Amino acid sequence: MNNILPGALTLLEEARAYPYTAQERQIVESTRSRAIVGGPEEVAARLKELAAQTGADELMINTLMPDPVARRRSYSLVMEAMRG
């Protein structure tokens, strides 16, 4: 039995050491295929492409990191890149 709750944010070291089951690895790979990852400019460009492809006039992003200060900073960086 694992001690990581579904949806809980963990430290990078814990995530790397976690003994994933085959089903969990499949879920991770499926999620990664839909994720937009990168620096602010790359993320902004891909978000703009996604909005254009889907006709969306609004997007929501979710940065998964346990440090709330770093998470807010990542949102600020992407927001600045989206405006730029």
PDB file of N, CA and C in Angstrom:
ATOM      1  N   MET A   1       0.848  -1.181   0.000  1.00  0.00           N
ATOM      2  CA  MET A   1       0.000   0.000   0.000  1.00  0.00           C
ATOM      3  C   MET A   1       0.890   1.239   0.000  1.00  0.00           C
ATOM      4  N   ASN A   2       0.569   2.223  -0.855  1.00  0.00           N
ATOM      5  CA  ASN A   2       1.388   3.424  -0.906  1.00  0.00           C
ATOM      6  C   ASN A   2       0.895   4.451   0.101  1.00  0.00           C
ATOM      7  N   ASN A   3       1.756   5.412   0.390  1.00  0.00           N
ATOM      8  CA  ASN A   3       1.378   6.458   1.337  1.00  0.00           C
ATOM      9  C   ASN A   3       1.161   7.795   0.631  1.00  0.00           C
ATOM     10  N   ILE A   4       1.053   7.779  -0.686  1.00  0.00           N
ATOM     11  CA  ILE A   4       0.791   8.992  -1.444  1.00  0.00           C
ATOM     12  C   ILE A   4      -0.682   8.991  -1.834  1.00  0.00           C
ATOM     13  N   LEU A   5      -1.387   9.998  -1.367  1.00  0.00           N
ATOM     14  CA  LEU A   5      -2.811  10.089  -1.660  1.00  0.00           C
ATOM     15  C   LEU A   5      -3.022  10.563  -3.094  1.00  0.00           C
ATOM     16  N   PRO A   6      -4.054  10.060  -3.764  1.00  0.00           N
ATOM     17  CA  PRO A   6      -4.342  10.536  -5.117  1.00  0.00           C
ATOM     18  C   PRO A   6      -4.560  12.048  -5.100  1.00  0.00           C
ATOM     19  N   GLY A   7      -3.899  12.742  -6.027  1.00  0.00           N
ATOM     20  CA  GLY A   7      -4.045  14.186  -6.105  1.00  0.00           C
ATOM     21  C   GLY A   7      -3.125  14.971  -5.193  1.00  0.00           C
ATOM     22  N   ALA A   8      -2.434  14.290  -4.282  1.00  0.00           N
ATOM     23  CA  ALA A   8      -1.537  14.982  -3.363  1.00  0.00           C
ATOM     24  C   ALA A   8      -0.248  15.367  -4.089  1.00  0.00           C
ATOM     25  N   LEU A   9       0.272  16.537  -3.761  1.00  0.00           N
ATOM     26  CA  LEU A   9       1.540  16.962  -4.344  1.00  0.00           C
ATOM     27  C   LEU A   9       2.657  16.444  -3.452  1.00  0.00           C
ATOM     28  N   THR A  10       3.653  15.844  -4.069  1.00  0.00           N
ATOM     29  CA  THR A  10       4.761  15.269  -3.318  1.00  0.00           C
ATOM     30  C   THR A  10       6.064  15.941  -3.714  1.00  0.00           C
ATOM     31  N   LEU A  11       7.055  15.722  -2.901  1.00  0.00           N
ATOM     32  CA  LEU A  11       8.379  16.205  -3.237  1.00  0.00           C
ATOM     33  C   LEU A  11       8.909  15.406  -4.415  1.00  0.00           C
ATOM     34  N   LEU A  12       9.760  16.023  -5.207  1.00  0.00           N
ATOM     35  CA  LEU A  12      10.312  15.362  -6.384  1.00  0.00           C
ATOM     36  C   LEU A  12      10.999  14.051  -6.019  1.00  0.00           C
ATOM     37  N   GLU A  13      11.731  14.048  -4.916  1.00  0.00           N
ATOM     38  CA  GLU A  13      12.440  12.843  -4.500  1.00  0.00           C
ATOM     39  C   GLU A  13      11.463  11.710  -4.188  1.00  0.00           C
ATOM     40  N   GLU A  14      10.343  12.056  -3.550  1.00  0.00           N
ATOM     41  CA  GLU A  14       9.326  11.039  -3.247  1.00  0.00           C
ATOM     42  C   GLU A  14       8.703  10.493  -4.519  1.00  0.00           C
ATOM     43  N   ALA A  15       8.423  11.387  -5.460  1.00  0.00           N
ATOM     44  CA  ALA A  15       7.811  10.956  -6.718  1.00  0.00           C
ATOM     45  C   ALA A  15       8.743  10.026  -7.487  1.00  0.00           C
ATOM     46  N   ARG A  16      10.040  10.366  -7.508  1.00  0.00           N
ATOM     47  CA  ARG A  16      11.003   9.525  -8.231  1.00  0.00           C
ATOM     48  C   ARG A  16      11.163   8.159  -7.582  1.00  0.00           C
ATOM     49  N   ALA A  17      11.026   8.078  -6.258  1.00  0.00           N
ATOM     50  CA  ALA A  17      11.223   6.822  -5.532  1.00  0.00           C
ATOM     51  C   ALA A  17       9.945   5.978  -5.450  1.00  0.00           C
ATOM     52  N   TYR A  18       8.828   6.537  -5.860  1.00  0.00           N
ATOM     53  CA  TYR A  18       7.545   5.843  -5.737  1.00  0.00           C
ATOM     54  C   TYR A  18       7.521   4.583  -6.601  1.00  0.00           C
ATOM     55  N   PRO A  19       7.094   3.455  -6.042  1.00  0.00           N
ATOM     56  CA  PRO A  19       7.030   2.195  -6.815  1.00  0.00           C
ATOM     57  C   PRO A  19       5.726   2.090  -7.613  1.00  0.00           C
ATOM     58  N   TYR A  20       5.695   2.718  -8.772  1.00  0.00           N
ATOM     59  CA  TYR A  20       4.491   2.736  -9.593  1.00  0.00           C
ATOM     60  C   TYR A  20       4.089   1.343 -10.050  1.00  0.00           C
ATOM     61  N   THR A  21       2.778   1.085 -10.040  1.00  0.00           N
ATOM     62  CA  THR A  21       2.250  -0.141 -10.630  1.00  0.00           C
ATOM     63  C   THR A  21       2.174   0.072 -12.141  1.00  0.00           C
ATOM     64  N   ALA A  22       1.950  -0.989 -12.872  1.00  0.00           N
ATOM     65  CA  ALA A  22       1.822  -0.880 -14.333  1.00  0.00           C
ATOM     66  C   ALA A  22       0.661   0.046 -14.691  1.00  0.00           C
ATOM     67  N   GLN A  23      -0.444  -0.065 -13.980  1.00  0.00           N
ATOM     68  CA  GLN A  23      -1.606   0.782 -14.257  1.00  0.00           C
ATOM     69  C   GLN A  23      -1.284   2.256 -13.971  1.00  0.00           C
ATOM     70  N   GLU A  24      -0.586   2.525 -12.880  1.00  0.00           N
ATOM     71  CA  GLU A  24      -0.211   3.901 -12.555  1.00  0.00           C
ATOM     72  C   GLU A  24       0.738   4.474 -13.605  1.00  0.00           C
ATOM     73  N   ARG A  25       1.674   3.662 -14.082  1.00  0.00           N
ATOM     74  CA  ARG A  25       2.592   4.133 -15.132  1.00  0.00           C
ATOM     75  C   ARG A  25       1.829   4.474 -16.412  1.00  0.00           C
ATOM     76  N   GLN A  26       0.828   3.689 -16.728  1.00  0.00           N
ATOM     77  CA  GLN A  26       0.006   3.953 -17.910  1.00  0.00           C
ATOM     78  C   GLN A  26      -0.739   5.281 -17.753  1.00  0.00           C
ATOM     79  N   ILE A  27      -1.249   5.541 -16.565  1.00  0.00           N
ATOM     80  CA  ILE A  27      -1.947   6.806 -16.289  1.00  0.00           C
ATOM     81  C   ILE A  27      -0.981   7.983 -16.415  1.00  0.00           C
ATOM     82  N   VAL A  28       0.224   7.816 -15.867  1.00  0.00           N
ATOM     83  CA  VAL A  28       1.240   8.875 -15.951  1.00  0.00           C
ATOM     84  C   VAL A  28       1.580   9.177 -17.407  1.00  0.00           C
ATOM     85  N   GLU A  29       1.805   8.156 -18.196  1.00  0.00           N
ATOM     86  CA  GLU A  29       2.159   8.355 -19.605  1.00  0.00           C
ATOM     87  C   GLU A  29       1.019   9.016 -20.368  1.00  0.00           C
ATOM     88  N   SER A  30      -0.205   8.633 -20.081  1.00  0.00           N
ATOM     89  CA  SER A  30      -1.363   9.237 -20.732  1.00  0.00           C
ATOM     90  C   SER A  30      -1.461  10.717 -20.370  1.00  0.00           C
ATOM     91  N   THR A  31      -1.237  11.033 -19.132  1.00  0.00           N
ATOM     92  CA  THR A  31      -1.290  12.416 -18.671  1.00  0.00           C
ATOM     93  C   THR A  31      -0.160  13.231 -19.284  1.00  0.00           C
ATOM     94  N   ARG A  32       1.029  12.668 -19.337  1.00  0.00           N
ATOM     95  CA  ARG A  32       2.174  13.379 -19.922  1.00  0.00           C
ATOM     96  C   ARG A  32       1.939  13.726 -21.377  1.00  0.00           C
ATOM     97  N   SER A  33       1.234  12.879 -22.100  1.00  0.00           N
ATOM     98  CA  SER A  33       1.009  13.141 -23.521  1.00  0.00           C
ATOM     99  C   SER A  33       0.137  14.372 -23.734  1.00  0.00           C
ATOM    100  N   ARG A  34      -0.621  14.758 -22.719  1.00  0.00           N
ATOM    101  CA  ARG A  34      -1.485  15.938 -22.825  1.00  0.00           C
ATOM    102  C   ARG A  34      -0.905  17.153 -22.113  1.00  0.00           C
ATOM    103  N   ALA A  35       0.202  16.992 -21.435  1.00  0.00           N
ATOM    104  CA  ALA A  35       0.796  18.072 -20.647  1.00  0.00           C
ATOM    105  C   ALA A  35       1.569  19.044 -21.533  1.00  0.00           C
ATOM    106  N   ILE A  36       1.575  20.282 -21.122  1.00  0.00           N
ATOM    107  CA  ILE A  36       2.405  21.302 -21.765  1.00  0.00           C
ATOM    108  C   ILE A  36       3.480  21.663 -20.752  1.00  0.00           C
ATOM    109  N   VAL A  37       4.714  21.371 -21.097  1.00  0.00           N
ATOM    110  CA  VAL A  37       5.827  21.539 -20.166  1.00  0.00           C
ATOM    111  C   VAL A  37       6.916  22.347 -20.841  1.00  0.00           C
ATOM    112  N   GLY A  38       7.518  23.268 -20.095  1.00  0.00           N
ATOM    113  CA  GLY A  38       8.628  24.034 -20.643  1.00  0.00           C
ATOM    114  C   GLY A  38       8.765  25.375 -19.954  1.00  0.00           C
ATOM    115  N   GLY A  39       9.600  26.212 -20.529  1.00  0.00           N
ATOM    116  CA  GLY A  39       9.780  27.561 -20.022  1.00  0.00           C
ATOM    117  C   GLY A  39       8.565  28.413 -20.345  1.00  0.00           C
ATOM    118  N   PRO A  40       8.494  29.608 -19.772  1.00  0.00           N
ATOM    119  CA  PRO A  40       7.315  30.462 -19.967  1.00  0.00           C
ATOM    120  C   PRO A  40       6.961  30.730 -21.424  1.00  0.00           C
ATOM    121  N   GLU A  41       7.943  31.020 -22.256  1.00  0.00           N
ATOM    122  CA  GLU A  41       7.657  31.330 -23.654  1.00  0.00           C
ATOM    123  C   GLU A  41       7.140  30.111 -24.407  1.00  0.00           C
ATOM    124  N   GLU A  42       7.748  28.955 -24.147  1.00  0.00           N
ATOM    125  CA  GLU A  42       7.301  27.728 -24.809  1.00  0.00           C
ATOM    126  C   GLU A  42       5.892  27.359 -24.373  1.00  0.00           C
ATOM    127  N   VAL A  43       5.627  27.454 -23.077  1.00  0.00           N
ATOM    128  CA  VAL A  43       4.289  27.140 -22.567  1.00  0.00           C
ATOM    129  C   VAL A  43       3.268  28.107 -23.153  1.00  0.00           C
ATOM    130  N   ALA A  44       3.585  29.393 -23.163  1.00  0.00           N
ATOM    131  CA  ALA A  44       2.657  30.388 -23.719  1.00  0.00           C
ATOM    132  C   ALA A  44       2.364  30.101 -25.187  1.00  0.00           C
ATOM    133  N   ALA A  45       3.388  29.793 -25.959  1.00  0.00           N
ATOM    134  CA  ALA A  45       3.190  29.499 -27.383  1.00  0.00           C
ATOM    135  C   ALA A  45       2.299  28.281 -27.570  1.00  0.00           C
ATOM    136  N   ARG A  46       2.540  27.241 -26.800  1.00  0.00           N
ATOM    137  CA  ARG A  46       1.723  26.026 -26.942  1.00  0.00           C
ATOM    138  C   ARG A  46       0.293  26.256 -26.460  1.00  0.00           C
ATOM    139  N   LEU A  47       0.123  27.088 -25.425  1.00  0.00           N
ATOM    140  CA  LEU A  47      -1.237  27.409 -24.965  1.00  0.00           C
ATOM    141  C   LEU A  47      -1.985  28.207 -26.025  1.00  0.00           C
ATOM    142  N   LYS A  48      -1.296  29.133 -26.669  1.00  0.00           N
ATOM    143  CA  LYS A  48      -1.926  29.907 -27.746  1.00  0.00           C
ATOM    144  C   LYS A  48      -2.314  28.998 -28.904  1.00  0.00           C
ATOM    145  N   GLU A  49      -1.452  28.040 -29.240  1.00  0.00           N
ATOM    146  CA  GLU A  49      -1.772  27.069 -30.295  1.00  0.00           C
ATOM    147  C   GLU A  49      -2.994  26.251 -29.908  1.00  0.00           C
ATOM    148  N   LEU A  50      -3.029  25.794 -28.660  1.00  0.00           N
ATOM    149  CA  LEU A  50      -4.156  24.992 -28.175  1.00  0.00           C
ATOM    150  C   LEU A  50      -5.453  25.785 -28.258  1.00  0.00           C
ATOM    151  N   ALA A  51      -5.421  27.044 -27.840  1.00  0.00           N
ATOM    152  CA  ALA A  51      -6.618  27.888 -27.902  1.00  0.00           C
ATOM    153  C   ALA A  51      -7.073  28.077 -29.350  1.00  0.00           C
ATOM    154  N   ALA A  52      -6.117  28.292 -30.246  1.00  0.00           N
ATOM    155  CA  ALA A  52      -6.467  28.464 -31.663  1.00  0.00           C
ATOM    156  C   ALA A  52      -7.066  27.188 -32.242  1.00  0.00           C
ATOM    157  N   GLN A  53      -6.484  26.044 -31.907  1.00  0.00           N
ATOM    158  CA  GLN A  53      -6.967  24.762 -32.436  1.00  0.00           C
ATOM    159  C   GLN A  53      -8.362  24.419 -31.935  1.00  0.00           C
ATOM    160  N   THR A  54      -8.646  24.791 -30.703  1.00  0.00           N
ATOM    161  CA  THR A  54      -9.924  24.406 -30.092  1.00  0.00           C
ATOM    162  C   THR A  54     -10.977  25.493 -30.144  1.00  0.00           C
ATOM    163  N   GLY A  55     -10.561  26.720 -30.486  1.00  0.00           N
ATOM    164  CA  GLY A  55     -11.505  27.833 -30.479  1.00  0.00           C
ATOM    165  C   GLY A  55     -11.805  28.341 -29.078  1.00  0.00           C
ATOM    166  N   ALA A  56     -10.999  27.964 -28.121  1.00  0.00           N
ATOM    167  CA  ALA A  56     -11.216  28.379 -26.729  1.00  0.00           C
ATOM    168  C   ALA A  56     -10.900  29.860 -26.562  1.00  0.00           C
ATOM    169  N   ASP A  57     -11.714  30.547 -25.778  1.00  0.00           N
ATOM    170  CA  ASP A  57     -11.409  31.936 -25.466  1.00  0.00           C
ATOM    171  C   ASP A  57     -10.916  32.080 -24.027  1.00  0.00           C
ATOM    172  N   GLU A  58     -10.747  30.946 -23.373  1.00  0.00           N
ATOM    173  CA  GLU A  58     -10.254  30.939 -21.995  1.00  0.00           C
ATOM    174  C   GLU A  58      -9.551  29.609 -21.744  1.00  0.00           C
ATOM    175  N   LEU A  59      -8.434  29.657 -21.044  1.00  0.00           N
ATOM    176  CA  LEU A  59      -7.702  28.445 -20.670  1.00  0.00           C
ATOM    177  C   LEU A  59      -7.434  28.472 -19.177  1.00  0.00           C
ATOM    178  N   MET A  60      -7.389  27.305 -18.589  1.00  0.00           N
ATOM    179  CA  MET A  60      -6.996  27.190 -17.184  1.00  0.00           C
ATOM    180  C   MET A  60      -5.736  26.344 -17.141  1.00  0.00           C
ATOM    181  N   ILE A  61      -4.773  26.770 -16.330  1.00  0.00           N
ATOM    182  CA  ILE A  61      -3.550  25.994 -16.201  1.00  0.00           C
ATOM    183  C   ILE A  61      -3.406  25.554 -14.755  1.00  0.00           C
ATOM    184  N   ASN A  62      -2.685  24.462 -14.578  1.00  0.00           N
ATOM    185  CA  ASN A  62      -2.443  23.925 -13.253  1.00  0.00           C
ATOM    186  C   ASN A  62      -0.987  23.499 -13.184  1.00  0.00           C
ATOM    187  N   THR A  63      -0.221  24.212 -12.397  1.00  0.00           N
ATOM    188  CA  THR A  63       1.177  23.888 -12.211  1.00  0.00           C
ATOM    189  C   THR A  63       1.292  22.982 -10.991  1.00  0.00           C
ATOM    190  N   LEU A  64       1.789  21.780 -11.203  1.00  0.00           N
ATOM    191  CA  LEU A  64       1.880  20.809 -10.118  1.00  0.00           C
ATOM    192  C   LEU A  64       3.253  20.866  -9.464  1.00  0.00           C
ATOM    193  N   MET A  65       3.330  21.617  -8.395  1.00  0.00           N
ATOM    194  CA  MET A  65       4.552  21.656  -7.606  1.00  0.00           C
ATOM    195  C   MET A  65       4.152  21.932  -6.156  1.00  0.00           C
ATOM    196  N   PRO A  66       4.821  21.277  -5.216  1.00  0.00           N
ATOM    197  CA  PRO A  66       4.404  21.398  -3.824  1.00  0.00           C
ATOM    198  C   PRO A  66       4.683  22.756  -3.188  1.00  0.00           C
ATOM    199  N   ASP A  67       5.634  23.526  -3.693  1.00  0.00           N
ATOM    200  CA  ASP A  67       5.982  24.819  -3.109  1.00  0.00           C
ATOM    201  C   ASP A  67       5.018  25.884  -3.634  1.00  0.00           C
ATOM    202  N   PRO A  68       4.145  26.432  -2.782  1.00  0.00           N
ATOM    203  CA  PRO A  68       3.157  27.399  -3.263  1.00  0.00           C
ATOM    204  C   PRO A  68       3.777  28.687  -3.805  1.00  0.00           C
ATOM    205  N   VAL A  69       4.908  29.109  -3.275  1.00  0.00           N
ATOM    206  CA  VAL A  69       5.572  30.315  -3.777  1.00  0.00           C
ATOM    207  C   VAL A  69       6.079  30.073  -5.198  1.00  0.00           C
ATOM    208  N   ALA A  70       6.716  28.938  -5.416  1.00  0.00           N
ATOM    209  CA  ALA A  70       7.213  28.593  -6.759  1.00  0.00           C
ATOM    210  C   ALA A  70       6.051  28.411  -7.728  1.00  0.00           C
ATOM    211  N   ARG A  71       4.959  27.844  -7.254  1.00  0.00           N
ATOM    212  CA  ARG A  71       3.786  27.636  -8.113  1.00  0.00           C
ATOM    213  C   ARG A  71       3.213  28.986  -8.559  1.00  0.00           C
ATOM    214  N   ARG A  72       3.058  29.923  -7.618  1.00  0.00           N
ATOM    215  CA  ARG A  72       2.551  31.252  -7.983  1.00  0.00           C
ATOM    216  C   ARG A  72       3.511  31.954  -8.947  1.00  0.00           C
ATOM    217  N   ARG A  73       4.812  31.783  -8.737  1.00  0.00           N
ATOM    218  CA  ARG A  73       5.806  32.390  -9.630  1.00  0.00           C
ATOM    219  C   ARG A  73       5.667  31.821 -11.042  1.00  0.00           C
ATOM    220  N   SER A  74       5.434  30.517 -11.145  1.00  0.00           N
ATOM    221  CA  SER A  74       5.279  29.917 -12.476  1.00  0.00           C
ATOM    222  C   SER A  74       4.056  30.480 -13.179  1.00  0.00           C
ATOM    223  N   TYR A  75       2.968  30.695 -12.441  1.00  0.00           N
ATOM    224  CA  TYR A  75       1.774  31.298 -13.046  1.00  0.00           C
ATOM    225  C   TYR A  75       2.085  32.715 -13.533  1.00  0.00           C
ATOM    226  N   SER A  76       2.828  33.476 -12.737  1.00  0.00           N
ATOM    227  CA  SER A  76       3.181  34.839 -13.124  1.00  0.00           C
ATOM    228  C   SER A  76       4.033  34.853 -14.389  1.00  0.00           C
ATOM    229  N   LEU A  77       4.988  33.932 -14.464  1.00  0.00           N
ATOM    230  CA  LEU A  77       5.864  33.875 -15.636  1.00  0.00           C
ATOM    231  C   LEU A  77       5.079  33.540 -16.899  1.00  0.00           C
ATOM    232  N   VAL A  78       4.167  32.600 -16.798  1.00  0.00           N
ATOM    233  CA  VAL A  78       3.365  32.229 -17.972  1.00  0.00           C
ATOM    234  C   VAL A  78       2.437  33.380 -18.343  1.00  0.00           C
ATOM    235  N   MET A  79       1.840  34.038 -17.349  1.00  0.00           N
ATOM    236  CA  MET A  79       0.971  35.176 -17.625  1.00  0.00           C
ATOM    237  C   MET A  79       1.731  36.273 -18.365  1.00  0.00           C
ATOM    238  N   GLU A  80       2.938  36.579 -17.901  1.00  0.00           N
ATOM    239  CA  GLU A  80       3.745  37.602 -18.576  1.00  0.00           C
ATOM    240  C   GLU A  80       4.068  37.177 -20.012  1.00  0.00           C
ATOM    241  N   ALA A  81       4.396  35.920 -20.210  1.00  0.00           N
ATOM    242  CA  ALA A  81       4.715  35.425 -21.559  1.00  0.00           C
ATOM    243  C   ALA A  81       3.475  35.441 -22.455  1.00  0.00           C
ATOM    244  N   MET A  82       2.310  35.157 -21.898  1.00  0.00           N
ATOM    245  CA  MET A  82       1.081  35.185 -22.697  1.00  0.00           C
ATOM    246  C   MET A  82       0.775  36.605 -23.155  1.00  0.00           C
ATOM    247  N   ARG A  83       1.075  37.576 -22.326  1.00  0.00           N
ATOM    248  CA  ARG A  83       0.821  38.981 -22.687  1.00  0.00           C
ATOM    249  C   ARG A  83       1.835  39.491 -23.705  1.00  0.00           C
ATOM    250  N   GLY A  84       3.069  38.949 -23.609  1.00  0.00           N
ATOM    251  CA  GLY A  84       4.166  39.448 -24.428  1.00  0.00           C
ATOM    252  C   GLY A  84       4.011  39.164 -25.853  1.00  0.00           C
TER     253      GLY A  84
END
